[in-house]
Amino acid sequence: MSSNIGQNYPYGVETEPERAAAVAQAFERFPELEEKVAAESTPLGQVDPDERWWVWVCPIGDFSGRLHVAGYAREAHAMYAVCPECGATFLR
């Protein structure tokens, strides 16, 4: 198993609008990130606005970033998460 697939516990949860806003912020801040996510994951599809999503702490830097689900990983059974603070991607 890839070491990029986290075996850690989530930090918290967020609503669908919060998740979508965080991912949009990441794409806005790091324009190349949107292409990377599209190439390496599949979209979430139709999502219920009341749905709740896990949020993880980004392990890069000072740990102030949070990882938000941006799709489903193509190459692994995992969630594809992005950090709006540093632009990193992770499988969770």
N, C-alpha and C. Protein backbone atom coordinates (compact mmCIF):
# COMPACT_ATOMS: atom_id res chain seq x y z
N MET A 1 0.84 -1.16 0.00
CA MET A 1 0.00 0.00 0.00
C MET A 1 0.90 1.24 0.00
N SER A 2 0.49 2.23 -0.73
CA SER A 2 1.24 3.47 -0.81
C SER A 2 1.25 4.18 0.53
N SER A 3 2.38 4.78 0.85
CA SER A 3 2.47 5.53 2.10
C SER A 3 1.68 6.82 2.02
N ASN A 4 1.22 7.19 0.83
CA ASN A 4 0.42 8.40 0.66
C ASN A 4 -1.02 8.18 1.12
N ILE A 5 -1.43 6.95 1.29
CA ILE A 5 -2.78 6.68 1.78
C ILE A 5 -2.75 6.71 3.30
N GLY A 6 -3.39 7.71 3.85
CA GLY A 6 -3.32 7.93 5.29
C GLY A 6 -4.04 6.88 6.10
N GLN A 7 -3.39 6.45 7.15
CA GLN A 7 -4.00 5.54 8.10
C GLN A 7 -4.21 6.29 9.41
N ASN A 8 -4.65 7.54 9.30
CA ASN A 8 -4.82 8.37 10.48
C ASN A 8 -6.29 8.69 10.70
N TYR A 9 -6.55 9.31 11.83
CA TYR A 9 -7.92 9.64 12.18
C TYR A 9 -8.29 11.02 11.64
N PRO A 10 -9.54 11.23 11.27
CA PRO A 10 -9.96 12.54 10.79
C PRO A 10 -9.88 13.59 11.90
N TYR A 11 -9.73 14.83 11.50
CA TYR A 11 -9.66 15.96 12.40
C TYR A 11 -11.06 16.40 12.82
N GLY A 12 -11.98 16.37 11.87
CA GLY A 12 -13.34 16.82 12.12
C GLY A 12 -14.23 16.55 10.92
N VAL A 13 -15.39 17.18 10.89
CA VAL A 13 -16.31 17.03 9.76
C VAL A 13 -16.73 18.40 9.27
N GLU A 14 -17.20 18.43 8.01
CA GLU A 14 -17.71 19.66 7.43
C GLU A 14 -18.92 19.34 6.57
N THR A 15 -19.74 20.34 6.33
CA THR A 15 -20.91 20.16 5.48
C THR A 15 -20.49 20.19 4.01
N GLU A 16 -21.37 19.78 3.14
CA GLU A 16 -21.09 19.80 1.72
C GLU A 16 -20.75 21.21 1.22
N PRO A 17 -21.52 22.26 1.61
CA PRO A 17 -21.14 23.61 1.15
C PRO A 17 -19.76 24.04 1.65
N GLU A 18 -19.40 23.67 2.87
CA GLU A 18 -18.07 24.00 3.40
C GLU A 18 -16.98 23.28 2.62
N ARG A 19 -17.21 22.00 2.31
CA ARG A 19 -16.24 21.21 1.54
C ARG A 19 -16.05 21.81 0.16
N ALA A 20 -17.16 22.09 -0.52
CA ALA A 20 -17.09 22.64 -1.87
C ALA A 20 -16.37 23.99 -1.89
N ALA A 21 -16.63 24.82 -0.89
CA ALA A 21 -15.98 26.13 -0.81
C ALA A 21 -14.47 25.98 -0.59
N ALA A 22 -14.07 25.05 0.26
CA ALA A 22 -12.65 24.83 0.54
C ALA A 22 -11.92 24.32 -0.70
N VAL A 23 -12.55 23.41 -1.44
CA VAL A 23 -11.94 22.88 -2.66
C VAL A 23 -11.86 23.98 -3.71
N ALA A 24 -12.90 24.79 -3.84
CA ALA A 24 -12.89 25.92 -4.78
C ALA A 24 -11.78 26.91 -4.42
N GLN A 25 -11.58 27.13 -3.13
CA GLN A 25 -10.51 28.02 -2.68
C GLN A 25 -9.14 27.45 -3.08
N ALA A 26 -8.96 26.14 -2.91
CA ALA A 26 -7.70 25.51 -3.29
C ALA A 26 -7.45 25.65 -4.79
N PHE A 27 -8.49 25.44 -5.60
CA PHE A 27 -8.35 25.56 -7.05
C PHE A 27 -8.05 27.00 -7.45
N GLU A 28 -8.63 27.95 -6.74
CA GLU A 28 -8.40 29.37 -7.03
C GLU A 28 -6.98 29.77 -6.68
N ARG A 29 -6.52 29.28 -5.55
CA ARG A 29 -5.18 29.64 -5.07
C ARG A 29 -4.07 28.92 -5.84
N PHE A 30 -4.33 27.69 -6.26
CA PHE A 30 -3.35 26.88 -7.00
C PHE A 30 -4.00 26.40 -8.29
N PRO A 31 -3.97 27.20 -9.37
CA PRO A 31 -4.68 26.88 -10.61
C PRO A 31 -4.31 25.52 -11.22
N GLU A 32 -3.06 25.09 -11.09
CA GLU A 32 -2.64 23.80 -11.64
C GLU A 32 -3.24 22.62 -10.88
N LEU A 33 -3.70 22.87 -9.68
CA LEU A 33 -4.27 21.81 -8.84
C LEU A 33 -5.54 21.22 -9.44
N GLU A 34 -6.35 22.03 -10.07
CA GLU A 34 -7.61 21.54 -10.66
C GLU A 34 -7.34 20.50 -11.74
N GLU A 35 -6.33 20.73 -12.58
CA GLU A 35 -5.96 19.75 -13.61
C GLU A 35 -5.46 18.46 -12.99
N LYS A 36 -4.64 18.58 -11.95
CA LYS A 36 -4.10 17.40 -11.27
C LYS A 36 -5.22 16.56 -10.66
N VAL A 37 -6.15 17.22 -9.99
CA VAL A 37 -7.27 16.51 -9.37
C VAL A 37 -8.11 15.82 -10.44
N ALA A 38 -8.37 16.50 -11.55
CA ALA A 38 -9.16 15.91 -12.64
C ALA A 38 -8.47 14.69 -13.25
N ALA A 39 -7.15 14.72 -13.33
CA ALA A 39 -6.41 13.62 -13.93
C ALA A 39 -6.27 12.41 -12.99
N GLU A 40 -6.24 12.66 -11.68
CA GLU A 40 -5.95 11.60 -10.73
C GLU A 40 -7.14 11.12 -9.93
N SER A 41 -8.32 11.73 -10.17
CA SER A 41 -9.49 11.31 -9.39
C SER A 41 -10.74 11.36 -10.26
N THR A 42 -11.80 10.79 -9.73
CA THR A 42 -13.11 10.88 -10.38
C THR A 42 -13.98 11.82 -9.54
N PRO A 43 -14.90 12.54 -10.17
CA PRO A 43 -15.73 13.49 -9.43
C PRO A 43 -16.63 12.82 -8.41
N LEU A 44 -17.06 13.58 -7.44
CA LEU A 44 -17.96 13.07 -6.42
C LEU A 44 -19.37 12.84 -6.95
N GLY A 45 -19.71 13.49 -8.05
CA GLY A 45 -21.05 13.33 -8.62
C GLY A 45 -22.07 14.15 -7.87
N GLN A 46 -23.32 13.74 -7.96
CA GLN A 46 -24.42 14.44 -7.28
C GLN A 46 -24.30 14.20 -5.78
N VAL A 47 -24.15 15.29 -5.02
CA VAL A 47 -23.95 15.18 -3.58
C VAL A 47 -25.09 15.88 -2.86
N ASP A 48 -25.63 15.24 -1.85
CA ASP A 48 -26.69 15.80 -1.02
C ASP A 48 -26.12 16.99 -0.23
N PRO A 49 -26.77 18.15 -0.26
CA PRO A 49 -26.27 19.32 0.48
C PRO A 49 -26.15 19.09 1.99
N ASP A 50 -26.88 18.11 2.51
CA ASP A 50 -26.80 17.81 3.94
C ASP A 50 -25.70 16.80 4.27
N GLU A 51 -25.01 16.32 3.25
CA GLU A 51 -23.94 15.34 3.47
C GLU A 51 -22.82 15.96 4.30
N ARG A 52 -22.18 15.12 5.12
CA ARG A 52 -21.04 15.55 5.95
C ARG A 52 -19.80 14.83 5.45
N TRP A 53 -18.65 15.52 5.47
CA TRP A 53 -17.39 14.98 4.97
C TRP A 53 -16.31 15.09 6.04
N TRP A 54 -15.41 14.10 6.05
CA TRP A 54 -14.28 14.14 6.97
C TRP A 54 -13.30 15.22 6.53
N VAL A 55 -12.60 15.79 7.50
CA VAL A 55 -11.52 16.75 7.27
C VAL A 55 -10.31 16.23 8.05
N TRP A 56 -9.13 16.29 7.41
CA TRP A 56 -7.90 15.83 8.06
C TRP A 56 -6.92 16.98 8.18
N VAL A 57 -5.96 16.86 9.09
CA VAL A 57 -4.89 17.84 9.24
C VAL A 57 -3.85 17.57 8.16
N CYS A 58 -3.41 18.62 7.48
CA CYS A 58 -2.36 18.49 6.47
C CYS A 58 -1.03 18.28 7.19
N PRO A 59 -0.27 17.23 6.82
CA PRO A 59 0.98 16.94 7.51
C PRO A 59 2.17 17.79 7.04
N ILE A 60 1.93 18.75 6.17
CA ILE A 60 3.02 19.58 5.64
C ILE A 60 3.10 20.89 6.42
N GLY A 61 4.32 21.33 6.66
CA GLY A 61 4.55 22.63 7.31
C GLY A 61 4.19 22.63 8.77
N ASP A 62 3.45 23.66 9.17
CA ASP A 62 3.13 23.85 10.58
C ASP A 62 1.81 23.19 11.00
N PHE A 63 1.28 22.34 10.17
CA PHE A 63 0.05 21.58 10.45
C PHE A 63 -1.19 22.48 10.55
N SER A 64 -1.14 23.67 9.97
CA SER A 64 -2.30 24.56 10.03
C SER A 64 -3.29 24.29 8.90
N GLY A 65 -2.84 23.61 7.85
CA GLY A 65 -3.71 23.31 6.72
C GLY A 65 -4.67 22.18 7.02
N ARG A 66 -5.77 22.14 6.30
CA ARG A 66 -6.75 21.07 6.44
C ARG A 66 -6.98 20.43 5.08
N LEU A 67 -7.18 19.12 5.06
CA LEU A 67 -7.41 18.37 3.83
C LEU A 67 -8.90 18.19 3.62
N HIS A 68 -9.36 18.55 2.42
CA HIS A 68 -10.78 18.49 2.07
C HIS A 68 -10.96 17.56 0.87
N VAL A 69 -11.99 16.75 0.90
CA VAL A 69 -12.25 15.77 -0.16
C VAL A 69 -12.59 16.48 -1.47
N ALA A 70 -11.86 16.09 -2.54
CA ALA A 70 -12.09 16.69 -3.86
C ALA A 70 -12.57 15.67 -4.88
N GLY A 71 -12.53 14.38 -4.51
CA GLY A 71 -12.97 13.34 -5.44
C GLY A 71 -12.59 11.97 -4.91
N TYR A 72 -12.75 10.97 -5.78
CA TYR A 72 -12.37 9.59 -5.46
C TYR A 72 -11.12 9.24 -6.25
N ALA A 73 -10.11 8.68 -5.59
CA ALA A 73 -8.86 8.34 -6.26
C ALA A 73 -9.10 7.31 -7.36
N ARG A 74 -8.45 7.50 -8.50
CA ARG A 74 -8.57 6.56 -9.62
C ARG A 74 -7.77 5.28 -9.38
N GLU A 75 -6.60 5.39 -8.77
CA GLU A 75 -5.68 4.27 -8.65
C GLU A 75 -5.77 3.53 -7.32
N ALA A 76 -6.58 3.98 -6.39
CA ALA A 76 -6.67 3.33 -5.08
C ALA A 76 -8.08 3.51 -4.54
N HIS A 77 -8.42 2.68 -3.58
CA HIS A 77 -9.72 2.80 -2.92
C HIS A 77 -9.56 3.83 -1.81
N ALA A 78 -9.67 5.11 -2.18
CA ALA A 78 -9.42 6.18 -1.22
C ALA A 78 -10.10 7.47 -1.67
N MET A 79 -10.24 8.37 -0.73
CA MET A 79 -10.72 9.71 -1.03
C MET A 79 -9.52 10.53 -1.47
N TYR A 80 -9.71 11.39 -2.45
CA TYR A 80 -8.66 12.28 -2.94
C TYR A 80 -8.87 13.63 -2.26
N ALA A 81 -7.91 14.05 -1.45
CA ALA A 81 -8.07 15.26 -0.65
C ALA A 81 -7.03 16.31 -1.05
N VAL A 82 -7.42 17.58 -0.93
CA VAL A 82 -6.54 18.69 -1.25
C VAL A 82 -6.43 19.63 -0.06
N CYS A 83 -5.29 20.33 0.02
CA CYS A 83 -5.06 21.32 1.07
C CYS A 83 -5.07 22.71 0.44
N PRO A 84 -6.01 23.58 0.82
CA PRO A 84 -6.05 24.93 0.28
C PRO A 84 -4.89 25.82 0.75
N GLU A 85 -4.18 25.39 1.80
CA GLU A 85 -3.08 26.20 2.33
C GLU A 85 -1.78 26.00 1.55
N CYS A 86 -1.46 24.74 1.20
CA CYS A 86 -0.17 24.47 0.54
C CYS A 86 -0.33 23.89 -0.86
N GLY A 87 -1.54 23.48 -1.24
CA GLY A 87 -1.76 22.93 -2.58
C GLY A 87 -1.40 21.46 -2.72
N ALA A 88 -1.09 20.79 -1.61
CA ALA A 88 -0.74 19.38 -1.66
C ALA A 88 -1.99 18.52 -1.82
N THR A 89 -1.79 17.32 -2.36
CA THR A 89 -2.88 16.35 -2.47
C THR A 89 -2.50 15.08 -1.72
N PHE A 90 -3.50 14.41 -1.20
CA PHE A 90 -3.29 13.20 -0.42
C PHE A 90 -4.44 12.23 -0.67
N LEU A 91 -4.19 10.97 -0.46
CA LEU A 91 -5.24 9.95 -0.49
C LEU A 91 -5.58 9.63 0.95
N ARG A 92 -6.84 9.59 1.25
CA ARG A 92 -7.29 9.29 2.61
C ARG A 92 -8.35 8.21 2.59
